Amino acid sequence: MTGGEIVACHPRCWGRRQTLTDLDHAATGVVTHQEVHRQTVRQTQLAASSGPMVEVEQRELGSYD
């Protein structure tokens, strides 16, 4: 308890070297990961479709002959 308020209530695990995962938390983590991935892909696609991000000098093709 913190300040008289219960912040967690769960059975105690007495095993050693175990990782316990709440299935609801794991499912939420998967959904969050997928959404972040989708946002990253969208941002990458927008950046690629909007043209170059750095302005560069453009020459006439005849200057290369």
Protein backbone atom coordinates (compact mmCIF):
# COMPACT_ATOMS: atom_id res chain seq x y z
CA MET A 1 0.00 0.00 0.00
CA THR A 2 1.10 3.50 -0.78
CA GLY A 3 -0.53 6.23 1.27
CA GLY A 4 -3.33 3.85 2.22
CA GLU A 5 -4.22 3.06 -1.41
CA ILE A 6 -3.82 -0.46 -2.82
CA VAL A 7 -1.88 -0.22 -6.09
CA ALA A 8 -1.63 -3.93 -6.95
CA CYS A 9 -3.21 -7.19 -5.89
CA HIS A 10 -2.02 -10.52 -7.26
CA PRO A 11 -0.97 -13.98 -6.06
CA ARG A 12 2.66 -14.34 -5.00
CA CYS A 13 4.94 -16.43 -7.20
CA TRP A 14 7.61 -18.22 -5.17
CA GLY A 15 9.50 -19.61 -8.17
CA ARG A 16 12.98 -18.39 -9.06
CA ARG A 17 14.21 -17.02 -12.38
CA GLN A 18 10.75 -16.81 -13.90
CA THR A 19 9.14 -14.18 -16.04
CA LEU A 20 5.43 -13.76 -15.43
CA THR A 21 3.42 -11.85 -18.03
CA ASP A 22 -0.13 -10.62 -17.70
CA LEU A 23 -1.81 -11.75 -20.94
CA ASP A 24 -3.87 -8.54 -21.20
CA HIS A 25 -0.70 -6.46 -20.91
CA ALA A 26 1.06 -8.60 -23.52
CA ALA A 27 -1.86 -8.21 -25.96
CA THR A 28 -1.86 -4.44 -25.46
CA GLY A 29 1.90 -4.39 -26.08
CA VAL A 30 1.45 -6.21 -29.40
CA VAL A 31 -1.24 -3.76 -30.54
CA THR A 32 0.88 -0.77 -29.50
CA HIS A 33 3.94 -2.17 -31.30
CA GLN A 34 1.91 -2.73 -34.48
CA GLU A 35 0.52 0.82 -34.40
CA VAL A 36 3.99 2.33 -33.93
CA HIS A 37 5.25 0.22 -36.83
CA ARG A 38 2.36 1.41 -39.06
CA GLN A 39 3.07 5.05 -38.17
CA THR A 40 6.77 4.61 -38.96
CA VAL A 41 5.96 3.05 -42.35
CA ARG A 42 3.52 5.89 -43.15
CA GLN A 43 6.10 8.54 -42.23
CA THR A 44 8.75 6.81 -44.36
CA GLN A 45 6.37 6.61 -47.32
CA LEU A 46 5.40 10.28 -46.98
CA ALA A 47 9.04 11.35 -46.81
CA ALA A 48 9.87 9.27 -49.91
CA SER A 49 6.92 10.60 -51.89
CA SER A 50 7.51 14.24 -51.03
CA GLY A 51 10.81 14.37 -52.90
CA PRO A 52 14.34 14.95 -51.71
CA MET A 53 14.78 16.42 -48.26
CA VAL A 54 18.02 18.20 -49.19
CA GLU A 55 18.19 20.85 -51.89
CA VAL A 56 20.96 20.12 -54.40
CA GLU A 57 22.33 21.99 -57.40
CA GLN A 58 20.86 20.96 -60.75
CA ARG A 59 22.92 21.39 -63.93
CA GLU A 60 22.00 21.38 -67.57
CA LEU A 61 22.67 17.95 -69.11
CA GLY A 62 24.90 19.58 -71.75
CA SER A 63 27.44 20.51 -69.06
CA TYR A 64 28.32 16.81 -68.69
CA ASP A 65 29.40 16.36 -72.35
